Amino acid sequence: MEAMSGPDGETLYVDRTEGRRGHKGPFFVVYASETADERWGFYCSNCESLDNAVDSMGRVQCNECSNRTKAEEWDAAHE
């Protein structure tokens, strides 16, 4: 895993083997520890940002470049 500095100066770990396909580039899972015990969030590979949001349908959206994923579950009721 790749270590990087988080927004509060903490060390976070990006797992480039685990992620989700985004509209502009993949989102990779970020952990708070090198042992991947505690999931922290997502890393946007398009703009290299940790500033992302996840909605109730599991969509990830980058607050910097608007990269986004599709909903994890979808049916006609979600339209």
PDB file of N, CA and C in Angstrom:
ATOM      1  N   MET A   1       0.845  -1.187   0.000  1.00  0.00           N
ATOM      2  CA  MET A   1       0.000   0.000   0.000  1.00  0.00           C
ATOM      3  C   MET A   1       0.883   1.241   0.000  1.00  0.00           C
ATOM      4  N   GLU A   2       0.339   2.290  -0.545  1.00  0.00           N
ATOM      5  CA  GLU A   2       1.049   3.558  -0.658  1.00  0.00           C
ATOM      6  C   GLU A   2       0.657   4.479   0.498  1.00  0.00           C
ATOM      7  N   ALA A   3       1.645   4.957   1.246  1.00  0.00           N
ATOM      8  CA  ALA A   3       1.384   5.875   2.358  1.00  0.00           C
ATOM      9  C   ALA A   3       1.244   7.296   1.826  1.00  0.00           C
ATOM     10  N   MET A   4       0.327   8.042   2.405  1.00  0.00           N
ATOM     11  CA  MET A   4       0.165   9.449   2.058  1.00  0.00           C
ATOM     12  C   MET A   4      -0.351  10.215   3.265  1.00  0.00           C
ATOM     13  N   SER A   5      -0.185  11.508   3.225  1.00  0.00           N
ATOM     14  CA  SER A   5      -0.622  12.359   4.321  1.00  0.00           C
ATOM     15  C   SER A   5      -2.095  12.716   4.150  1.00  0.00           C
ATOM     16  N   GLY A   6      -2.860  12.545   5.218  1.00  0.00           N
ATOM     17  CA  GLY A   6      -4.283  12.857   5.204  1.00  0.00           C
ATOM     18  C   GLY A   6      -4.546  14.317   5.507  1.00  0.00           C
ATOM     19  N   PRO A   7      -5.805  14.735   5.511  1.00  0.00           N
ATOM     20  CA  PRO A   7      -6.153  16.137   5.722  1.00  0.00           C
ATOM     21  C   PRO A   7      -5.748  16.698   7.090  1.00  0.00           C
ATOM     22  N   ASP A   8      -5.657  15.844   8.093  1.00  0.00           N
ATOM     23  CA  ASP A   8      -5.251  16.311   9.422  1.00  0.00           C
ATOM     24  C   ASP A   8      -3.801  15.958   9.731  1.00  0.00           C
ATOM     25  N   GLY A   9      -3.031  15.600   8.686  1.00  0.00           N
ATOM     26  CA  GLY A   9      -1.628  15.264   8.867  1.00  0.00           C
ATOM     27  C   GLY A   9      -1.385  13.812   9.248  1.00  0.00           C
ATOM     28  N   GLU A  10      -2.455  13.019   9.401  1.00  0.00           N
ATOM     29  CA  GLU A  10      -2.291  11.615   9.741  1.00  0.00           C
ATOM     30  C   GLU A  10      -1.808  10.844   8.512  1.00  0.00           C
ATOM     31  N   THR A  11      -1.155   9.725   8.737  1.00  0.00           N
ATOM     32  CA  THR A  11      -0.714   8.883   7.638  1.00  0.00           C
ATOM     33  C   THR A  11      -1.838   7.937   7.241  1.00  0.00           C
ATOM     34  N   LEU A  12      -2.176   7.952   5.966  1.00  0.00           N
ATOM     35  CA  LEU A  12      -3.213   7.084   5.413  1.00  0.00           C
ATOM     36  C   LEU A  12      -2.577   6.172   4.378  1.00  0.00           C
ATOM     37  N   TYR A  13      -3.255   5.081   4.031  1.00  0.00           N
ATOM     38  CA  TYR A  13      -2.688   4.077   3.139  1.00  0.00           C
ATOM     39  C   TYR A  13      -3.659   3.764   2.006  1.00  0.00           C
ATOM     40  N   VAL A  14      -3.215   3.999   0.776  1.00  0.00           N
ATOM     41  CA  VAL A  14      -4.025   3.764  -0.421  1.00  0.00           C
ATOM     42  C   VAL A  14      -3.727   2.363  -0.944  1.00  0.00           C
ATOM     43  N   ASP A  15      -4.777   1.592  -1.118  1.00  0.00           N
ATOM     44  CA  ASP A  15      -4.657   0.242  -1.670  1.00  0.00           C
ATOM     45  C   ASP A  15      -5.055   0.292  -3.141  1.00  0.00           C
ATOM     46  N   ARG A  16      -4.072   0.308  -4.025  1.00  0.00           N
ATOM     47  CA  ARG A  16      -4.342   0.420  -5.459  1.00  0.00           C
ATOM     48  C   ARG A  16      -4.795  -0.894  -6.087  1.00  0.00           C
ATOM     49  N   THR A  17      -4.958  -1.932  -5.275  1.00  0.00           N
ATOM     50  CA  THR A  17      -5.485  -3.199  -5.790  1.00  0.00           C
ATOM     51  C   THR A  17      -6.976  -3.341  -5.507  1.00  0.00           C
ATOM     52  N   GLU A  18      -7.522  -2.419  -4.699  1.00  0.00           N
ATOM     53  CA  GLU A  18      -8.933  -2.481  -4.314  1.00  0.00           C
ATOM     54  C   GLU A  18      -9.586  -1.138  -4.631  1.00  0.00           C
ATOM     55  N   GLY A  19     -10.591  -1.153  -5.461  1.00  0.00           N
ATOM     56  CA  GLY A  19     -11.230   0.106  -5.792  1.00  0.00           C
ATOM     57  C   GLY A  19     -12.497  -0.068  -6.593  1.00  0.00           C
ATOM     58  N   ARG A  20     -12.978   1.068  -7.097  1.00  0.00           N
ATOM     59  CA  ARG A  20     -14.204   1.114  -7.896  1.00  0.00           C
ATOM     60  C   ARG A  20     -13.937   1.948  -9.143  1.00  0.00           C
ATOM     61  N   ARG A  21     -14.558   1.541 -10.226  1.00  0.00           N
ATOM     62  CA  ARG A  21     -14.401   2.280 -11.475  1.00  0.00           C
ATOM     63  C   ARG A  21     -15.217   3.555 -11.412  1.00  0.00           C
ATOM     64  N   GLY A  22     -14.574   4.668 -11.721  1.00  0.00           N
ATOM     65  CA  GLY A  22     -15.239   5.955 -11.758  1.00  0.00           C
ATOM     66  C   GLY A  22     -15.390   6.463 -13.177  1.00  0.00           C
ATOM     67  N   HIS A  23     -16.172   7.492 -13.340  1.00  0.00           N
ATOM     68  CA  HIS A  23     -16.466   8.120 -14.618  1.00  0.00           C
ATOM     69  C   HIS A  23     -15.192   8.679 -15.273  1.00  0.00           C
ATOM     70  N   LYS A  24     -14.289   9.277 -14.488  1.00  0.00           N
ATOM     71  CA  LYS A  24     -13.055   9.875 -15.003  1.00  0.00           C
ATOM     72  C   LYS A  24     -11.809   9.083 -14.642  1.00  0.00           C
ATOM     73  N   GLY A  25     -11.912   8.168 -13.708  1.00  0.00           N
ATOM     74  CA  GLY A  25     -10.789   7.356 -13.253  1.00  0.00           C
ATOM     75  C   GLY A  25     -11.199   6.581 -12.020  1.00  0.00           C
ATOM     76  N   PRO A  26     -10.440   5.560 -11.651  1.00  0.00           N
ATOM     77  CA  PRO A  26     -10.837   4.737 -10.505  1.00  0.00           C
ATOM     78  C   PRO A  26     -10.691   5.451  -9.161  1.00  0.00           C
ATOM     79  N   PHE A  27     -11.514   4.988  -8.219  1.00  0.00           N
ATOM     80  CA  PHE A  27     -11.392   5.375  -6.816  1.00  0.00           C
ATOM     81  C   PHE A  27     -10.755   4.192  -6.099  1.00  0.00           C
ATOM     82  N   PHE A  28      -9.719   4.439  -5.322  1.00  0.00           N
ATOM     83  CA  PHE A  28      -9.063   3.376  -4.572  1.00  0.00           C
ATOM     84  C   PHE A  28      -9.409   3.502  -3.094  1.00  0.00           C
ATOM     85  N   VAL A  29      -9.505   2.368  -2.424  1.00  0.00           N
ATOM     86  CA  VAL A  29      -9.840   2.344  -1.001  1.00  0.00           C
ATOM     87  C   VAL A  29      -8.651   2.860  -0.192  1.00  0.00           C
ATOM     88  N   VAL A  30      -8.951   3.658   0.829  1.00  0.00           N
ATOM     89  CA  VAL A  30      -7.940   4.229   1.721  1.00  0.00           C
ATOM     90  C   VAL A  30      -8.181   3.679   3.120  1.00  0.00           C
ATOM     91  N   TYR A  31      -7.101   3.287   3.772  1.00  0.00           N
ATOM     92  CA  TYR A  31      -7.159   2.752   5.134  1.00  0.00           C
ATOM     93  C   TYR A  31      -6.418   3.664   6.107  1.00  0.00           C
ATOM     94  N   ALA A  32      -6.835   3.621   7.360  1.00  0.00           N
ATOM     95  CA  ALA A  32      -6.200   4.420   8.402  1.00  0.00           C
ATOM     96  C   ALA A  32      -4.963   3.739   8.968  1.00  0.00           C
ATOM     97  N   SER A  33      -4.789   2.445   8.660  1.00  0.00           N
ATOM     98  CA  SER A  33      -3.608   1.733   9.147  1.00  0.00           C
ATOM     99  C   SER A  33      -3.017   0.890   8.021  1.00  0.00           C
ATOM    100  N   GLU A  34      -1.749   0.619   8.114  1.00  0.00           N
ATOM    101  CA  GLU A  34      -1.053  -0.164   7.090  1.00  0.00           C
ATOM    102  C   GLU A  34      -1.537  -1.612   7.047  1.00  0.00           C
ATOM    103  N   THR A  35      -2.134  -2.073   8.136  1.00  0.00           N
ATOM    104  CA  THR A  35      -2.650  -3.442   8.193  1.00  0.00           C
ATOM    105  C   THR A  35      -4.076  -3.553   7.645  1.00  0.00           C
ATOM    106  N   ALA A  36      -4.620  -2.451   7.159  1.00  0.00           N
ATOM    107  CA  ALA A  36      -5.956  -2.396   6.564  1.00  0.00           C
ATOM    108  C   ALA A  36      -7.047  -2.831   7.540  1.00  0.00           C
ATOM    109  N   ASP A  37      -6.877  -2.509   8.802  1.00  0.00           N
ATOM    110  CA  ASP A  37      -7.873  -2.833   9.827  1.00  0.00           C
ATOM    111  C   ASP A  37      -9.055  -1.864   9.807  1.00  0.00           C
ATOM    112  N   GLU A  38      -8.778  -0.609   9.509  1.00  0.00           N
ATOM    113  CA  GLU A  38      -9.805   0.422   9.580  1.00  0.00           C
ATOM    114  C   GLU A  38      -9.895   1.175   8.252  1.00  0.00           C
ATOM    115  N   ARG A  39     -11.016   1.027   7.587  1.00  0.00           N
ATOM    116  CA  ARG A  39     -11.218   1.710   6.314  1.00  0.00           C
ATOM    117  C   ARG A  39     -11.471   3.188   6.572  1.00  0.00           C
ATOM    118  N   TRP A  40     -10.806   4.054   5.807  1.00  0.00           N
ATOM    119  CA  TRP A  40     -10.909   5.498   6.015  1.00  0.00           C
ATOM    120  C   TRP A  40     -11.800   6.164   4.973  1.00  0.00           C
ATOM    121  N   GLY A  41     -11.680   5.782   3.714  1.00  0.00           N
ATOM    122  CA  GLY A  41     -12.454   6.416   2.649  1.00  0.00           C
ATOM    123  C   GLY A  41     -11.948   6.018   1.279  1.00  0.00           C
ATOM    124  N   PHE A  42     -11.949   6.987   0.354  1.00  0.00           N
ATOM    125  CA  PHE A  42     -11.531   6.732  -1.024  1.00  0.00           C
ATOM    126  C   PHE A  42     -10.546   7.785  -1.506  1.00  0.00           C
ATOM    127  N   TYR A  43      -9.729   7.377  -2.459  1.00  0.00           N
ATOM    128  CA  TYR A  43      -8.751   8.237  -3.122  1.00  0.00           C
ATOM    129  C   TYR A  43      -9.149   8.331  -4.595  1.00  0.00           C
ATOM    130  N   CYS A  44      -9.337   9.537  -5.107  1.00  0.00           N
ATOM    131  CA  CYS A  44      -9.682   9.749  -6.509  1.00  0.00           C
ATOM    132  C   CYS A  44      -8.400   9.776  -7.332  1.00  0.00           C
ATOM    133  N   SER A  45      -8.249   8.811  -8.227  1.00  0.00           N
ATOM    134  CA  SER A  45      -7.024   8.761  -9.032  1.00  0.00           C
ATOM    135  C   SER A  45      -7.019   9.811 -10.132  1.00  0.00           C
ATOM    136  N   ASN A  46      -8.176  10.380 -10.460  1.00  0.00           N
ATOM    137  CA  ASN A  46      -8.222  11.393 -11.511  1.00  0.00           C
ATOM    138  C   ASN A  46      -7.525  12.686 -11.082  1.00  0.00           C
ATOM    139  N   CYS A  47      -7.822  13.155  -9.884  1.00  0.00           N
ATOM    140  CA  CYS A  47      -7.231  14.425  -9.423  1.00  0.00           C
ATOM    141  C   CYS A  47      -6.363  14.251  -8.176  1.00  0.00           C
ATOM    142  N   GLU A  48      -6.191  13.004  -7.736  1.00  0.00           N
ATOM    143  CA  GLU A  48      -5.352  12.669  -6.576  1.00  0.00           C
ATOM    144  C   GLU A  48      -5.860  13.303  -5.288  1.00  0.00           C
ATOM    145  N   SER A  49      -7.176  13.277  -5.101  1.00  0.00           N
ATOM    146  CA  SER A  49      -7.806  13.890  -3.935  1.00  0.00           C
ATOM    147  C   SER A  49      -8.372  12.842  -2.983  1.00  0.00           C
ATOM    148  N   LEU A  50      -8.373  13.190  -1.707  1.00  0.00           N
ATOM    149  CA  LEU A  50      -9.031  12.381  -0.684  1.00  0.00           C
ATOM    150  C   LEU A  50     -10.388  12.965  -0.306  1.00  0.00           C
ATOM    151  N   ASP A  51     -10.762  14.088  -0.923  1.00  0.00           N
ATOM    152  CA  ASP A  51     -12.001  14.800  -0.619  1.00  0.00           C
ATOM    153  C   ASP A  51     -13.143  14.205  -1.429  1.00  0.00           C
ATOM    154  N   ASN A  52     -13.723  13.127  -0.912  1.00  0.00           N
ATOM    155  CA  ASN A  52     -14.777  12.396  -1.601  1.00  0.00           C
ATOM    156  C   ASN A  52     -15.956  12.170  -0.671  1.00  0.00           C
ATOM    157  N   ALA A  53     -17.110  11.932  -1.268  1.00  0.00           N
ATOM    158  CA  ALA A  53     -18.319  11.660  -0.501  1.00  0.00           C
ATOM    159  C   ALA A  53     -18.989  10.399  -1.037  1.00  0.00           C
ATOM    160  N   VAL A  54     -19.641   9.660  -0.145  1.00  0.00           N
ATOM    161  CA  VAL A  54     -20.393   8.466  -0.521  1.00  0.00           C
ATOM    162  C   VAL A  54     -21.843   8.690  -0.101  1.00  0.00           C
ATOM    163  N   ASP A  55     -22.773   8.464  -1.048  1.00  0.00           N
ATOM    164  CA  ASP A  55     -24.178   8.666  -0.696  1.00  0.00           C
ATOM    165  C   ASP A  55     -24.813   7.352  -0.238  1.00  0.00           C
ATOM    166  N   SER A  56     -26.095   7.393   0.081  1.00  0.00           N
ATOM    167  CA  SER A  56     -26.790   6.232   0.639  1.00  0.00           C
ATOM    168  C   SER A  56     -26.921   5.078  -0.350  1.00  0.00           C
ATOM    169  N   MET A  57     -26.732   5.332  -1.642  1.00  0.00           N
ATOM    170  CA  MET A  57     -26.795   4.275  -2.647  1.00  0.00           C
ATOM    171  C   MET A  57     -25.409   3.723  -2.988  1.00  0.00           C
ATOM    172  N   GLY A  58     -24.379   4.167  -2.253  1.00  0.00           N
ATOM    173  CA  GLY A  58     -23.036   3.653  -2.455  1.00  0.00           C
ATOM    174  C   GLY A  58     -22.242   4.340  -3.551  1.00  0.00           C
ATOM    175  N   ARG A  59     -22.780   5.427  -4.107  1.00  0.00           N
ATOM    176  CA  ARG A  59     -22.036   6.171  -5.124  1.00  0.00           C
ATOM    177  C   ARG A  59     -20.952   6.994  -4.463  1.00  0.00           C
ATOM    178  N   VAL A  60     -19.769   6.989  -5.070  1.00  0.00           N
ATOM    179  CA  VAL A  60     -18.661   7.810  -4.600  1.00  0.00           C
ATOM    180  C   VAL A  60     -18.539   8.981  -5.558  1.00  0.00           C
ATOM    181  N   GLN A  61     -18.398  10.203  -5.016  1.00  0.00           N
ATOM    182  CA  GLN A  61     -18.192  11.375  -5.860  1.00  0.00           C
ATOM    183  C   GLN A  61     -17.066  12.203  -5.289  1.00  0.00           C
ATOM    184  N   CYS A  62     -16.143  12.593  -6.165  1.00  0.00           N
ATOM    185  CA  CYS A  62     -15.035  13.451  -5.774  1.00  0.00           C
ATOM    186  C   CYS A  62     -15.532  14.885  -5.691  1.00  0.00           C
ATOM    187  N   ASN A  63     -15.249  15.552  -4.595  1.00  0.00           N
ATOM    188  CA  ASN A  63     -15.665  16.938  -4.409  1.00  0.00           C
ATOM    189  C   ASN A  63     -14.756  17.920  -5.138  1.00  0.00           C
ATOM    190  N   GLU A  64     -13.636  17.443  -5.676  1.00  0.00           N
ATOM    191  CA  GLU A  64     -12.697  18.305  -6.396  1.00  0.00           C
ATOM    192  C   GLU A  64     -12.954  18.303  -7.901  1.00  0.00           C
ATOM    193  N   CYS A  65     -13.075  17.121  -8.516  1.00  0.00           N
ATOM    194  CA  CYS A  65     -13.167  17.036  -9.983  1.00  0.00           C
ATOM    195  C   CYS A  65     -14.485  16.445 -10.478  1.00  0.00           C
ATOM    196  N   SER A  66     -15.416  16.131  -9.589  1.00  0.00           N
ATOM    197  CA  SER A  66     -16.731  15.561  -9.916  1.00  0.00           C
ATOM    198  C   SER A  66     -16.664  14.163 -10.527  1.00  0.00           C
ATOM    199  N   ASN A  67     -15.531  13.476 -10.391  1.00  0.00           N
ATOM    200  CA  ASN A  67     -15.451  12.068 -10.771  1.00  0.00           C
ATOM    201  C   ASN A  67     -16.483  11.332  -9.921  1.00  0.00           C
ATOM    202  N   ARG A  68     -17.152  10.325 -10.493  1.00  0.00           N
ATOM    203  CA  ARG A  68     -18.176   9.621  -9.715  1.00  0.00           C
ATOM    204  C   ARG A  68     -18.322   8.187 -10.197  1.00  0.00           C
ATOM    205  N   THR A  69     -18.888   7.363  -9.325  1.00  0.00           N
ATOM    206  CA  THR A  69     -19.198   5.981  -9.666  1.00  0.00           C
ATOM    207  C   THR A  69     -20.697   5.855  -9.836  1.00  0.00           C
ATOM    208  N   LYS A  70     -21.121   4.727 -10.381  1.00  0.00           N
ATOM    209  CA  LYS A  70     -22.546   4.431 -10.453  1.00  0.00           C
ATOM    210  C   LYS A  70     -22.975   3.828  -9.119  1.00  0.00           C
ATOM    211  N   ALA A  71     -24.269   3.795  -8.880  1.00  0.00           N
ATOM    212  CA  ALA A  71     -24.806   3.195  -7.654  1.00  0.00           C
ATOM    213  C   ALA A  71     -24.448   1.716  -7.603  1.00  0.00           C
ATOM    214  N   GLU A  72     -24.212   1.191  -6.399  1.00  0.00           N
ATOM    215  CA  GLU A  72     -23.890  -0.224  -6.226  1.00  0.00           C
ATOM    216  C   GLU A  72     -25.065  -1.105  -6.619  1.00  0.00           C
ATOM    217  N   GLU A  73     -26.272  -0.708  -6.241  1.00  0.00           N
ATOM    218  CA  GLU A  73     -27.482  -1.435  -6.589  1.00  0.00           C
ATOM    219  C   GLU A  73     -28.393  -0.476  -7.318  1.00  0.00           C
ATOM    220  N   TRP A  74     -29.003  -0.967  -8.381  1.00  0.00           N
ATOM    221  CA  TRP A  74     -29.866  -0.095  -9.147  1.00  0.00           C
ATOM    222  C   TRP A  74     -31.076  -0.877  -9.629  1.00  0.00           C
ATOM    223  N   ASP A  75     -32.226  -0.256  -9.562  1.00  0.00           N
ATOM    224  CA  ASP A  75     -33.410  -0.787 -10.206  1.00  0.00           C
ATOM    225  C   ASP A  75     -34.294   0.401 -10.580  1.00  0.00           C
ATOM    226  N   ALA A  76     -35.396   0.152 -11.230  1.00  0.00           N
ATOM    227  CA  ALA A  76     -36.253   1.238 -11.719  1.00  0.00           C
ATOM    228  C   ALA A  76     -36.772   2.136 -10.598  1.00  0.00           C
ATOM    229  N   ALA A  77     -36.821   1.648  -9.378  1.00  0.00           N
ATOM    230  CA  ALA A  77     -37.307   2.449  -8.253  1.00  0.00           C
ATOM    231  C   ALA A  77     -36.352   3.598  -7.910  1.00  0.00           C
ATOM    232  N   HIS A  78     -35.094   3.521  -8.359  1.00  0.00           N
ATOM    233  CA  HIS A  78     -34.107   4.561  -8.047  1.00  0.00           C
ATOM    234  C   HIS A  78     -34.135   5.721  -9.036  1.00  0.00           C
ATOM    235  N   GLU A  79     -34.995   5.676 -10.043  1.00  0.00           N
ATOM    236  CA  GLU A  79     -35.029   6.770 -11.028  1.00  0.00           C
ATOM    237  C   GLU A  79     -35.695   7.996 -10.498  1.00  0.00           C
TER     238      GLU A  79
END
